[in-house]
Amino acid sequence: MLEERPGLGHGPTPGTLPAAIAELRKRRRAVILAHYYQEPEIQDIADFTGDSLELSRRAAETDADVIVFCGVHFMAETAKILNPSRLVLLPDLEAGCSLAESCPPEAFANFRAQYPDHLVVSYINTSAAIKAQSDLICTSSNAVDLVRQLPEDQPILFAPDRNLGRWVQQKSGRPMVLWPGGCIVHETFSEAAVLTLKQAHPEAAVIAHPECQENLLDLADFVGSTSRLLSHIRSADAPAFIVLTEPGILHQMRRSMPNTTFLEVPGLDGCSCNACPHMRRNNLAKLWRCMETLEPRIELPEDLRQRALVPIRRMLDMTRRADCRLNP
């Protein structure tokens, strides 16, 4: 049965969307990648759910004809950089990223020119244009490990997240010049709300993403990327967790540990406003529509793609070598 919906035309009814998407996935030979910050129903229908590093690896390894990226624009761009011959779709082309947008390419080029001897390490949460100006890409999962691999006498410029950069400095012991960018989600958590939750739930451990501000990281019992937060809760001896990152991750946490309590932290004004508005632009109806129409597509100029590919490949190679050393 089909229904008319504003802006979408005829499409499956909400109850039949999962089956319709599954049929299109088979017909298109598509793979659906979803970030942990997506809505639960998208996470549940995806072939692979993960953080930026895991999804980059999946994008690099896939043999699918079509990659459907349920995330934000820079993630789909990364998939296209790694897969120039494959069709890469993003359910909503307006799904941007406040952190990526905090680092405009021209302004960054001027900033970078002030430090010509510095090696540029850029967080994966950047546009292809910033990746093309970088020497090495990192994620929150591997940033510390990658920086530790760099020569000790090599000066480093880190972009764009100042909070992540500060945390990497502390963990690696390497001084870095930081671009002053930030994520609207991780910068709106309330310290007072964390302290109130800790008082109400003294048994709860605080876990935080390193994009959070320093005063919040100081309250955390564990700091790590989304995938490392997930791994930590499975091994930590705590009946409850206060979670300082985008609340989409709570879906995976509750699935993994159904008898554990996971507490979302309010924003600075007391609202539950830490859901990323860009991530939440995607939904099942848009996912079905993009697979049906094969639009919107991610396209990049080949010269830009080639320049952005170099630091991404360097990240994947360095991460692989580090993994081999840890797991010979």
C-alpha atoms as a PDB file:
ATOM      1  CA  MET A   1       0.000   0.000   0.000  1.00  0.00           C
ATOM      2  CA  LEU A   2       1.283   3.469  -0.930  1.00  0.00           C
ATOM      3  CA  GLU A   3       0.580   6.810   0.686  1.00  0.00           C
ATOM      4  CA  GLU A   4       1.216  10.428  -0.296  1.00  0.00           C
ATOM      5  CA  ARG A   5       3.549  12.383   2.000  1.00  0.00           C
ATOM      6  CA  PRO A   6       4.601  16.031   1.694  1.00  0.00           C
ATOM      7  CA  GLY A   7       7.853  16.371  -0.198  1.00  0.00           C
ATOM      8  CA  LEU A   8       8.171  12.640  -0.841  1.00  0.00           C
ATOM      9  CA  GLY A   9       5.331  11.728  -3.180  1.00  0.00           C
ATOM     10  CA  HIS A  10       4.132   8.143  -3.179  1.00  0.00           C
ATOM     11  CA  GLY A  11       6.041   5.759  -0.976  1.00  0.00           C
ATOM     12  CA  PRO A  12       5.562   2.816   1.383  1.00  0.00           C
ATOM     13  CA  THR A  13       3.522   3.321   4.527  1.00  0.00           C
ATOM     14  CA  PRO A  14       5.591   3.603   7.729  1.00  0.00           C
ATOM     15  CA  GLY A  15       4.896   0.007   8.695  1.00  0.00           C
ATOM     16  CA  THR A  16       6.147  -1.375   5.381  1.00  0.00           C
ATOM     17  CA  LEU A  17       9.260   0.804   5.082  1.00  0.00           C
ATOM     18  CA  PRO A  18      11.714  -1.750   6.566  1.00  0.00           C
ATOM     19  CA  ALA A  19      10.614  -4.444   4.104  1.00  0.00           C
ATOM     20  CA  ALA A  20      10.701  -1.993   1.197  1.00  0.00           C
ATOM     21  CA  ILE A  21      14.228  -0.878   2.136  1.00  0.00           C
ATOM     22  CA  ALA A  22      15.356  -4.512   2.424  1.00  0.00           C
ATOM     23  CA  GLU A  23      13.992  -5.197  -1.071  1.00  0.00           C
ATOM     24  CA  LEU A  24      15.799  -2.165  -2.502  1.00  0.00           C
ATOM     25  CA  ARG A  25      19.029  -3.140  -0.747  1.00  0.00           C
ATOM     26  CA  LYS A  26      18.949  -6.491  -2.527  1.00  0.00           C
ATOM     27  CA  ARG A  27      17.931  -5.046  -5.897  1.00  0.00           C
ATOM     28  CA  ARG A  28      20.508  -2.249  -5.822  1.00  0.00           C
ATOM     29  CA  ARG A  29      23.294  -4.419  -4.372  1.00  0.00           C
ATOM     30  CA  ALA A  30      23.581  -1.756  -1.709  1.00  0.00           C
ATOM     31  CA  VAL A  31      25.193  -1.599   1.700  1.00  0.00           C
ATOM     32  CA  ILE A  32      23.682   0.615   4.409  1.00  0.00           C
ATOM     33  CA  LEU A  33      26.170   2.164   6.842  1.00  0.00           C
ATOM     34  CA  ALA A  34      24.844   3.952   9.938  1.00  0.00           C
ATOM     35  CA  HIS A  35      26.562   5.970  12.624  1.00  0.00           C
ATOM     36  CA  TYR A  36      25.774   5.326  16.285  1.00  0.00           C
ATOM     37  CA  TYR A  37      24.107   8.752  16.471  1.00  0.00           C
ATOM     38  CA  GLN A  38      21.344   7.834  14.013  1.00  0.00           C
ATOM     39  CA  GLU A  39      17.757   7.142  15.061  1.00  0.00           C
ATOM     40  CA  PRO A  40      17.283   3.609  16.485  1.00  0.00           C
ATOM     41  CA  GLU A  41      15.183   2.386  13.540  1.00  0.00           C
ATOM     42  CA  ILE A  42      17.992   3.320  11.132  1.00  0.00           C
ATOM     43  CA  GLN A  43      20.627   1.637  13.294  1.00  0.00           C
ATOM     44  CA  ASP A  44      18.471  -1.504  13.356  1.00  0.00           C
ATOM     45  CA  ILE A  45      18.104  -1.705   9.572  1.00  0.00           C
ATOM     46  CA  ALA A  46      21.749  -0.944   8.726  1.00  0.00           C
ATOM     47  CA  ASP A  47      24.205  -3.588   7.532  1.00  0.00           C
ATOM     48  CA  PHE A  48      26.915  -2.023   9.679  1.00  0.00           C
ATOM     49  CA  THR A  49      26.658   0.411  12.587  1.00  0.00           C
ATOM     50  CA  GLY A  50      29.741   2.032  14.028  1.00  0.00           C
ATOM     51  CA  ASP A  51      31.842   5.096  14.734  1.00  0.00           C
ATOM     52  CA  SER A  52      33.738   7.083  12.125  1.00  0.00           C
ATOM     53  CA  LEU A  53      36.771   4.764  12.093  1.00  0.00           C
ATOM     54  CA  GLU A  54      34.746   1.564  11.821  1.00  0.00           C
ATOM     55  CA  LEU A  55      32.561   2.999   9.070  1.00  0.00           C
ATOM     56  CA  SER A  56      35.605   4.295   7.162  1.00  0.00           C
ATOM     57  CA  ARG A  57      37.014   0.776   7.210  1.00  0.00           C
ATOM     58  CA  ARG A  58      33.707  -0.682   6.029  1.00  0.00           C
ATOM     59  CA  ALA A  59      33.541   1.867   3.230  1.00  0.00           C
ATOM     60  CA  ALA A  60      37.103   1.007   2.177  1.00  0.00           C
ATOM     61  CA  GLU A  61      36.406  -2.738   2.151  1.00  0.00           C
ATOM     62  CA  THR A  62      32.928  -2.985   0.632  1.00  0.00           C
ATOM     63  CA  ASP A  63      32.197  -4.643  -2.700  1.00  0.00           C
ATOM     64  CA  ALA A  64      28.656  -3.243  -2.890  1.00  0.00           C
ATOM     65  CA  ASP A  65      27.561  -1.298  -5.973  1.00  0.00           C
ATOM     66  CA  VAL A  66      25.843   1.364  -3.868  1.00  0.00           C
ATOM     67  CA  ILE A  67      26.882   2.783  -0.481  1.00  0.00           C
ATOM     68  CA  VAL A  68      24.065   4.404   1.463  1.00  0.00           C
ATOM     69  CA  PHE A  69      25.520   6.437   4.304  1.00  0.00           C
ATOM     70  CA  CYS A  70      23.143   7.182   7.153  1.00  0.00           C
ATOM     71  CA  GLY A  71      25.161   9.842   8.877  1.00  0.00           C
ATOM     72  CA  VAL A  72      26.243  13.343   7.942  1.00  0.00           C
ATOM     73  CA  HIS A  73      27.807  14.870   4.854  1.00  0.00           C
ATOM     74  CA  PHE A  74      31.495  14.509   5.727  1.00  0.00           C
ATOM     75  CA  MET A  75      30.986  10.775   6.385  1.00  0.00           C
ATOM     76  CA  ALA A  76      29.425  10.205   2.975  1.00  0.00           C
ATOM     77  CA  GLU A  77      32.206  12.295   1.409  1.00  0.00           C
ATOM     78  CA  THR A  78      34.779  10.033   3.063  1.00  0.00           C
ATOM     79  CA  ALA A  79      33.051   6.987   1.600  1.00  0.00           C
ATOM     80  CA  LYS A  80      33.166   8.596  -1.852  1.00  0.00           C
ATOM     81  CA  ILE A  81      36.827   9.506  -1.455  1.00  0.00           C
ATOM     82  CA  LEU A  82      37.544   5.816  -0.802  1.00  0.00           C
ATOM     83  CA  ASN A  83      35.155   4.533  -3.493  1.00  0.00           C
ATOM     84  CA  PRO A  84      35.285   6.780  -6.576  1.00  0.00           C
ATOM     85  CA  SER A  85      33.649   4.223  -8.872  1.00  0.00           C
ATOM     86  CA  ARG A  86      30.744   3.430  -6.547  1.00  0.00           C
ATOM     87  CA  LEU A  87      27.521   5.316  -6.076  1.00  0.00           C
ATOM     88  CA  VAL A  88      27.421   6.970  -2.631  1.00  0.00           C
ATOM     89  CA  LEU A  89      24.079   8.225  -1.359  1.00  0.00           C
ATOM     90  CA  LEU A  90      23.141  10.388   1.635  1.00  0.00           C
ATOM     91  CA  PRO A  91      19.436  10.290   2.583  1.00  0.00           C
ATOM     92  CA  ASP A  92      19.385  14.045   3.328  1.00  0.00           C
ATOM     93  CA  LEU A  93      21.980  16.231   1.633  1.00  0.00           C
ATOM     94  CA  GLU A  94      21.429  18.934   4.266  1.00  0.00           C
ATOM     95  CA  ALA A  95      22.729  16.649   7.039  1.00  0.00           C
ATOM     96  CA  GLY A  96      25.825  18.667   7.822  1.00  0.00           C
ATOM     97  CA  CYS A  97      28.122  18.885  10.855  1.00  0.00           C
ATOM     98  CA  SER A  98      28.679  21.872  13.126  1.00  0.00           C
ATOM     99  CA  LEU A  99      32.262  20.790  13.763  1.00  0.00           C
ATOM    100  CA  ALA A 100      33.100  20.485  10.060  1.00  0.00           C
ATOM    101  CA  GLU A 101      31.438  23.833   9.415  1.00  0.00           C
ATOM    102  CA  SER A 102      33.545  25.462  12.147  1.00  0.00           C
ATOM    103  CA  CYS A 103      36.594  25.025   9.900  1.00  0.00           C
ATOM    104  CA  PRO A 104      36.091  26.894   6.579  1.00  0.00           C
ATOM    105  CA  PRO A 105      38.690  25.843   3.959  1.00  0.00           C
ATOM    106  CA  GLU A 106      39.963  29.330   3.068  1.00  0.00           C
ATOM    107  CA  ALA A 107      40.312  30.418   6.703  1.00  0.00           C
ATOM    108  CA  PHE A 108      42.063  27.158   7.533  1.00  0.00           C
ATOM    109  CA  ALA A 109      44.483  27.618   4.619  1.00  0.00           C
ATOM    110  CA  ASN A 110      45.440  31.040   6.014  1.00  0.00           C
ATOM    111  CA  PHE A 111      45.855  29.586   9.514  1.00  0.00           C
ATOM    112  CA  ARG A 112      47.921  26.691   8.225  1.00  0.00           C
ATOM    113  CA  ALA A 113      50.210  29.077   6.323  1.00  0.00           C
ATOM    114  CA  GLN A 114      51.295  30.556   9.668  1.00  0.00           C
ATOM    115  CA  TYR A 115      52.817  27.174  10.611  1.00  0.00           C
ATOM    116  CA  PRO A 116      54.586  25.945   7.458  1.00  0.00           C
ATOM    117  CA  ASP A 117      56.771  23.447   9.335  1.00  0.00           C
ATOM    118  CA  HIS A 118      53.825  21.805  11.145  1.00  0.00           C
ATOM    119  CA  LEU A 119      52.335  18.472  10.132  1.00  0.00           C
ATOM    120  CA  VAL A 120      48.559  18.853   9.860  1.00  0.00           C
ATOM    121  CA  VAL A 121      46.527  16.213  11.690  1.00  0.00           C
ATOM    122  CA  SER A 122      42.813  16.672  10.995  1.00  0.00           C
ATOM    123  CA  TYR A 123      39.904  14.955  12.663  1.00  0.00           C
ATOM    124  CA  ILE A 124      37.758  12.993  10.230  1.00  0.00           C
ATOM    125  CA  ASN A 125      34.866  15.369  11.094  1.00  0.00           C
ATOM    126  CA  THR A 126      35.956  17.748   8.345  1.00  0.00           C
ATOM    127  CA  SER A 127      35.035  18.491   4.759  1.00  0.00           C
ATOM    128  CA  ALA A 128      36.915  16.970   1.830  1.00  0.00           C
ATOM    129  CA  ALA A 129      38.463  20.407   1.266  1.00  0.00           C
ATOM    130  CA  ILE A 130      40.053  20.331   4.740  1.00  0.00           C
ATOM    131  CA  LYS A 131      41.163  16.716   4.329  1.00  0.00           C
ATOM    132  CA  ALA A 132      42.889  17.774   1.101  1.00  0.00           C
ATOM    133  CA  GLN A 133      44.933  20.315   3.118  1.00  0.00           C
ATOM    134  CA  SER A 134      45.921  17.734   5.733  1.00  0.00           C
ATOM    135  CA  ASP A 135      48.846  15.355   6.138  1.00  0.00           C
ATOM    136  CA  LEU A 136      47.044  12.812   8.318  1.00  0.00           C
ATOM    137  CA  ILE A 137      43.409  12.143   9.213  1.00  0.00           C
ATOM    138  CA  CYS A 138      42.423  10.707  12.589  1.00  0.00           C
ATOM    139  CA  THR A 139      39.300   9.707  14.469  1.00  0.00           C
ATOM    140  CA  SER A 140      38.602   9.932  18.179  1.00  0.00           C
ATOM    141  CA  SER A 141      39.333   6.183  18.318  1.00  0.00           C
ATOM    142  CA  ASN A 142      42.856   6.388  16.958  1.00  0.00           C
ATOM    143  CA  ALA A 143      43.995  10.021  17.393  1.00  0.00           C
ATOM    144  CA  VAL A 144      46.246   9.385  20.408  1.00  0.00           C
ATOM    145  CA  ASP A 145      47.826   6.277  18.864  1.00  0.00           C
ATOM    146  CA  LEU A 146      48.521   8.048  15.558  1.00  0.00           C
ATOM    147  CA  VAL A 147      50.049  11.139  17.174  1.00  0.00           C
ATOM    148  CA  ARG A 148      52.323   8.921  19.267  1.00  0.00           C
ATOM    149  CA  GLN A 149      53.629   7.358  16.044  1.00  0.00           C
ATOM    150  CA  LEU A 150      54.810  10.706  14.671  1.00  0.00           C
ATOM    151  CA  PRO A 151      58.485  11.737  15.116  1.00  0.00           C
ATOM    152  CA  GLU A 152      58.986  13.493  18.441  1.00  0.00           C
ATOM    153  CA  ASP A 153      60.632  16.518  16.822  1.00  0.00           C
ATOM    154  CA  GLN A 154      57.774  17.022  14.354  1.00  0.00           C
ATOM    155  CA  PRO A 155      55.570  20.033  15.271  1.00  0.00           C
ATOM    156  CA  ILE A 156      51.842  19.327  14.872  1.00  0.00           C
ATOM    157  CA  LEU A 157      48.817  21.403  13.964  1.00  0.00           C
ATOM    158  CA  PHE A 158      45.530  19.751  14.982  1.00  0.00           C
ATOM    159  CA  ALA A 159      42.110  20.618  13.559  1.00  0.00           C
ATOM    160  CA  PRO A 160      39.288  21.278  13.961  1.00  0.00           C
ATOM    161  CA  ASP A 161      38.077  20.251  17.452  1.00  0.00           C
ATOM    162  CA  ARG A 162      39.913  22.095  20.219  1.00  0.00           C
ATOM    163  CA  ASN A 163      38.494  19.846  22.944  1.00  0.00           C
ATOM    164  CA  LEU A 164      39.600  16.636  21.254  1.00  0.00           C
ATOM    165  CA  GLY A 165      42.945  18.255  20.423  1.00  0.00           C
ATOM    166  CA  ARG A 166      43.506  19.262  24.057  1.00  0.00           C
ATOM    167  CA  TRP A 167      42.687  15.719  25.199  1.00  0.00           C
ATOM    168  CA  VAL A 168      45.062  14.201  22.607  1.00  0.00           C
ATOM    169  CA  GLN A 169      47.806  16.538  23.813  1.00  0.00           C
ATOM    170  CA  GLN A 170      47.330  15.354  27.381  1.00  0.00           C
ATOM    171  CA  LYS A 171      47.273  11.656  26.477  1.00  0.00           C
ATOM    172  CA  SER A 172      50.122  11.718  23.959  1.00  0.00           C
ATOM    173  CA  GLY A 173      52.343  14.252  25.707  1.00  0.00           C
ATOM    174  CA  ARG A 174      52.757  16.086  22.397  1.00  0.00           C
ATOM    175  CA  PRO A 175      52.268  19.872  22.226  1.00  0.00           C
ATOM    176  CA  MET A 176      50.066  20.929  19.308  1.00  0.00           C
ATOM    177  CA  VAL A 177      48.715  24.086  17.729  1.00  0.00           C
ATOM    178  CA  LEU A 178      44.906  23.811  17.844  1.00  0.00           C
ATOM    179  CA  TRP A 179      42.307  25.181  15.454  1.00  0.00           C
ATOM    180  CA  PRO A 180      39.486  26.630  17.637  1.00  0.00           C
ATOM    181  CA  GLY A 181      36.556  24.508  16.396  1.00  0.00           C
ATOM    182  CA  GLY A 182      33.870  22.716  18.365  1.00  0.00           C
ATOM    183  CA  CYS A 183      30.793  20.475  18.202  1.00  0.00           C
ATOM    184  CA  ILE A 184      27.433  21.989  19.216  1.00  0.00           C
ATOM    185  CA  VAL A 185      26.343  18.685  20.768  1.00  0.00           C
ATOM    186  CA  HIS A 186      29.336  18.126  22.998  1.00  0.00           C
ATOM    187  CA  GLU A 187      29.694  21.773  23.999  1.00  0.00           C
ATOM    188  CA  THR A 188      26.133  22.088  25.340  1.00  0.00           C
ATOM    189  CA  PHE A 189      26.341  19.570  28.172  1.00  0.00           C
ATOM    190  CA  SER A 190      25.799  21.053  31.631  1.00  0.00           C
ATOM    191  CA  GLU A 191      28.374  20.478  34.365  1.00  0.00           C
ATOM    192  CA  ALA A 192      25.705  21.252  36.970  1.00  0.00           C
ATOM    193  CA  ALA A 193      23.465  18.565  35.441  1.00  0.00           C
ATOM    194  CA  VAL A 194      26.268  15.983  35.650  1.00  0.00           C
ATOM    195  CA  LEU A 195      26.882  16.825  39.311  1.00  0.00           C
ATOM    196  CA  THR A 196      23.153  16.595  40.034  1.00  0.00           C
ATOM    197  CA  LEU A 197      22.949  13.187  38.334  1.00  0.00           C
ATOM    198  CA  LYS A 198      26.024  11.979  40.239  1.00  0.00           C
ATOM    199  CA  GLN A 199      24.391  13.035  43.506  1.00  0.00           C
ATOM    200  CA  ALA A 200      21.130  11.287  42.607  1.00  0.00           C
ATOM    201  CA  HIS A 201      22.934   8.177  41.289  1.00  0.00           C
ATOM    202  CA  PRO A 202      26.148   7.764  43.320  1.00  0.00           C
ATOM    203  CA  GLU A 203      26.552   4.240  41.938  1.00  0.00           C
ATOM    204  CA  ALA A 204      26.767   5.524  38.345  1.00  0.00           C
ATOM    205  CA  ALA A 205      30.045   5.935  36.462  1.00  0.00           C
ATOM    206  CA  VAL A 206      30.499   8.940  34.179  1.00  0.00           C
ATOM    207  CA  ILE A 207      31.679   8.209  30.637  1.00  0.00           C
ATOM    208  CA  ALA A 208      32.424  10.930  28.096  1.00  0.00           C
ATOM    209  CA  HIS A 209      33.430  11.548  24.500  1.00  0.00           C
ATOM    210  CA  PRO A 210      36.669  13.585  24.178  1.00  0.00           C
ATOM    211  CA  GLU A 211      34.827  16.280  22.181  1.00  0.00           C
ATOM    212  CA  CYS A 212      33.316  17.405  25.503  1.00  0.00           C
ATOM    213  CA  GLN A 213      34.762  20.436  27.249  1.00  0.00           C
ATOM    214  CA  GLU A 214      37.632  19.952  29.676  1.00  0.00           C
ATOM    215  CA  ASN A 215      35.591  20.618  32.844  1.00  0.00           C
ATOM    216  CA  LEU A 216      33.292  17.729  31.882  1.00  0.00           C
ATOM    217  CA  LEU A 217      36.141  15.373  31.009  1.00  0.00           C
ATOM    218  CA  ASP A 218      37.556  16.076  34.472  1.00  0.00           C
ATOM    219  CA  LEU A 219      34.353  14.594  35.943  1.00  0.00           C
ATOM    220  CA  ALA A 220      34.513  11.439  33.817  1.00  0.00           C
ATOM    221  CA  ASP A 221      35.605   8.021  35.019  1.00  0.00           C
ATOM    222  CA  PHE A 222      36.340   7.033  31.413  1.00  0.00           C
ATOM    223  CA  VAL A 223      36.883   9.038  28.209  1.00  0.00           C
ATOM    224  CA  GLY A 224      36.764   7.505  24.748  1.00  0.00           C
ATOM    225  CA  SER A 225      35.267   7.405  21.278  1.00  0.00           C
ATOM    226  CA  THR A 226      31.763   6.042  20.768  1.00  0.00           C
ATOM    227  CA  SER A 227      33.068   2.556  20.013  1.00  0.00           C
ATOM    228  CA  ARG A 228      35.349   2.625  23.059  1.00  0.00           C
ATOM    229  CA  LEU A 229      32.509   3.820  25.268  1.00  0.00           C
ATOM    230  CA  LEU A 230      30.537   0.796  24.078  1.00  0.00           C
ATOM    231  CA  SER A 231      33.428  -1.540  24.812  1.00  0.00           C
ATOM    232  CA  HIS A 232      33.998   0.023  28.218  1.00  0.00           C
ATOM    233  CA  ILE A 233      30.463  -0.479  29.518  1.00  0.00           C
ATOM    234  CA  ARG A 234      30.700  -4.205  28.776  1.00  0.00           C
ATOM    235  CA  SER A 235      33.766  -4.615  30.983  1.00  0.00           C
ATOM    236  CA  ALA A 236      33.197  -1.947  33.647  1.00  0.00           C
ATOM    237  CA  ASP A 237      31.759  -2.989  36.989  1.00  0.00           C
ATOM    238  CA  ALA A 238      28.983  -0.400  37.325  1.00  0.00           C
ATOM    239  CA  PRO A 239      25.190  -0.756  37.520  1.00  0.00           C
ATOM    240  CA  ALA A 240      24.597   2.628  35.831  1.00  0.00           C
ATOM    241  CA  PHE A 241      26.340   5.116  33.549  1.00  0.00           C
ATOM    242  CA  ILE A 242      25.973   8.848  33.031  1.00  0.00           C
ATOM    243  CA  VAL A 243      26.681   9.267  29.319  1.00  0.00           C
ATOM    244  CA  LEU A 244      28.264  12.435  27.940  1.00  0.00           C
ATOM    245  CA  THR A 245      27.852  12.084  24.194  1.00  0.00           C
ATOM    246  CA  GLU A 246      25.081  12.217  21.600  1.00  0.00           C
ATOM    247  CA  PRO A 247      22.170  10.145  22.961  1.00  0.00           C
ATOM    248  CA  GLY A 248      21.830   8.006  19.817  1.00  0.00           C
ATOM    249  CA  ILE A 249      24.535   5.779  21.306  1.00  0.00           C
ATOM    250  CA  LEU A 250      22.174   4.845  24.164  1.00  0.00           C
ATOM    251  CA  HIS A 251      20.259   2.566  21.791  1.00  0.00           C
ATOM    252  CA  GLN A 252      23.317   0.351  21.299  1.00  0.00           C
ATOM    253  CA  MET A 253      24.227   0.543  24.974  1.00  0.00           C
ATOM    254  CA  ARG A 254      20.791  -0.598  26.085  1.00  0.00           C
ATOM    255  CA  ARG A 255      20.783  -3.409  23.541  1.00  0.00           C
ATOM    256  CA  SER A 256      24.197  -4.550  24.735  1.00  0.00           C
ATOM    257  CA  MET A 257      23.487  -4.191  28.466  1.00  0.00           C
ATOM    258  CA  PRO A 258      19.702  -4.386  28.996  1.00  0.00           C
ATOM    259  CA  ASN A 259      19.968  -4.675  32.779  1.00  0.00           C
ATOM    260  CA  THR A 260      22.141  -1.578  33.127  1.00  0.00           C
ATOM    261  CA  THR A 261      20.840   1.984  33.564  1.00  0.00           C
ATOM    262  CA  PHE A 262      22.054   4.632  31.097  1.00  0.00           C
ATOM    263  CA  LEU A 263      21.384   8.266  31.927  1.00  0.00           C
ATOM    264  CA  GLU A 264      21.278  11.075  29.365  1.00  0.00           C
ATOM    265  CA  VAL A 265      22.701  14.443  30.468  1.00  0.00           C
ATOM    266  CA  PRO A 266      20.630  17.608  29.879  1.00  0.00           C
ATOM    267  CA  GLY A 267      22.004  20.632  28.066  1.00  0.00           C
ATOM    268  CA  LEU A 268      23.089  23.935  29.558  1.00  0.00           C
ATOM    269  CA  ASP A 269      19.543  25.323  29.676  1.00  0.00           C
ATOM    270  CA  GLY A 270      18.107  22.133  31.130  1.00  0.00           C
ATOM    271  CA  CYS A 271      16.631  20.900  27.867  1.00  0.00           C
ATOM    272  CA  SER A 272      17.167  17.498  26.323  1.00  0.00           C
ATOM    273  CA  CYS A 273      18.837  19.167  23.353  1.00  0.00           C
ATOM    274  CA  ASN A 274      21.962  17.096  22.840  1.00  0.00           C
ATOM    275  CA  ALA A 275      20.557  15.108  19.930  1.00  0.00           C
ATOM    276  CA  CYS A 276      22.505  16.220  16.854  1.00  0.00           C
ATOM    277  CA  PRO A 277      20.023  18.040  14.597  1.00  0.00           C
ATOM    278  CA  HIS A 278      22.068  17.127  11.540  1.00  0.00           C
ATOM    279  CA  MET A 279      22.220  13.393  12.304  1.00  0.00           C
ATOM    280  CA  ARG A 280      18.481  13.372  12.970  1.00  0.00           C
ATOM    281  CA  ARG A 281      17.627  14.745   9.520  1.00  0.00           C
ATOM    282  CA  ASN A 282      17.806  11.172   8.235  1.00  0.00           C
ATOM    283  CA  ASN A 283      14.820   8.865   8.669  1.00  0.00           C
ATOM    284  CA  LEU A 284      13.463   5.652   7.152  1.00  0.00           C
ATOM    285  CA  ALA A 285      11.308   7.475   4.599  1.00  0.00           C
ATOM    286  CA  LYS A 286      14.299   9.451   3.297  1.00  0.00           C
ATOM    287  CA  LEU A 287      16.423   6.303   3.317  1.00  0.00           C
ATOM    288  CA  TRP A 288      13.860   4.480   1.176  1.00  0.00           C
ATOM    289  CA  ARG A 289      13.487   7.461  -1.174  1.00  0.00           C
ATOM    290  CA  CYS A 290      17.216   7.841  -1.796  1.00  0.00           C
ATOM    291  CA  MET A 291      17.562   4.116  -2.545  1.00  0.00           C
ATOM    292  CA  GLU A 292      14.547   4.238  -4.861  1.00  0.00           C
ATOM    293  CA  THR A 293      15.700   7.312  -6.800  1.00  0.00           C
ATOM    294  CA  LEU A 294      19.480   6.900  -6.301  1.00  0.00           C
ATOM    295  CA  GLU A 295      19.532  10.533  -5.172  1.00  0.00           C
ATOM    296  CA  PRO A 296      21.040  12.583  -3.617  1.00  0.00           C
ATOM    297  CA  ARG A 297      24.476  11.460  -4.699  1.00  0.00           C
ATOM    298  CA  ILE A 298      27.826  12.530  -3.320  1.00  0.00           C
ATOM    299  CA  GLU A 299      30.092  13.823  -6.093  1.00  0.00           C
ATOM    300  CA  LEU A 300      33.608  15.244  -5.745  1.00  0.00           C
ATOM    301  CA  PRO A 301      36.069  16.758  -8.236  1.00  0.00           C
ATOM    302  CA  GLU A 302      38.679  14.107  -8.948  1.00  0.00           C
ATOM    303  CA  ASP A 303      41.658  16.308  -8.080  1.00  0.00           C
ATOM    304  CA  LEU A 304      40.113  17.138  -4.690  1.00  0.00           C
ATOM    305  CA  ARG A 305      39.255  13.482  -4.082  1.00  0.00           C
ATOM    306  CA  GLN A 306      42.814  12.394  -4.853  1.00  0.00           C
ATOM    307  CA  ARG A 307      44.327  14.956  -2.464  1.00  0.00           C
ATOM    308  CA  ALA A 308      41.882  14.064   0.307  1.00  0.00           C
ATOM    309  CA  LEU A 309      42.546  10.350  -0.200  1.00  0.00           C
ATOM    310  CA  VAL A 310      46.249  10.613   0.720  1.00  0.00           C
ATOM    311  CA  PRO A 311      45.827  11.469   4.440  1.00  0.00           C
ATOM    312  CA  ILE A 312      42.903   9.041   4.806  1.00  0.00           C
ATOM    313  CA  ARG A 313      44.963   6.193   3.389  1.00  0.00           C
ATOM    314  CA  ARG A 314      47.807   7.206   5.695  1.00  0.00           C
ATOM    315  CA  MET A 315      45.425   6.951   8.667  1.00  0.00           C
ATOM    316  CA  LEU A 316      44.176   3.518   7.633  1.00  0.00           C
ATOM    317  CA  ASP A 317      47.736   2.243   7.030  1.00  0.00           C
ATOM    318  CA  MET A 318      49.058   3.584  10.351  1.00  0.00           C
ATOM    319  CA  THR A 319      46.054   2.195  12.219  1.00  0.00           C
ATOM    320  CA  ARG A 320      46.557  -1.200  10.584  1.00  0.00           C
ATOM    321  CA  ARG A 321      50.227  -1.239  11.588  1.00  0.00           C
ATOM    322  CA  ALA A 322      49.329  -0.286  15.142  1.00  0.00           C
ATOM    323  CA  ASP A 323      46.737  -3.082  15.271  1.00  0.00           C
ATOM    324  CA  CYS A 324      49.327  -5.579  14.026  1.00  0.00           C
ATOM    325  CA  ARG A 325      51.739  -4.578  16.783  1.00  0.00           C
ATOM    326  CA  LEU A 326      49.045  -4.991  19.422  1.00  0.00           C
ATOM    327  CA  ASN A 327      47.751  -8.266  17.964  1.00  0.00           C
ATOM    328  CA  PRO A 328      50.739  -9.989  16.301  1.00  0.00           C
END
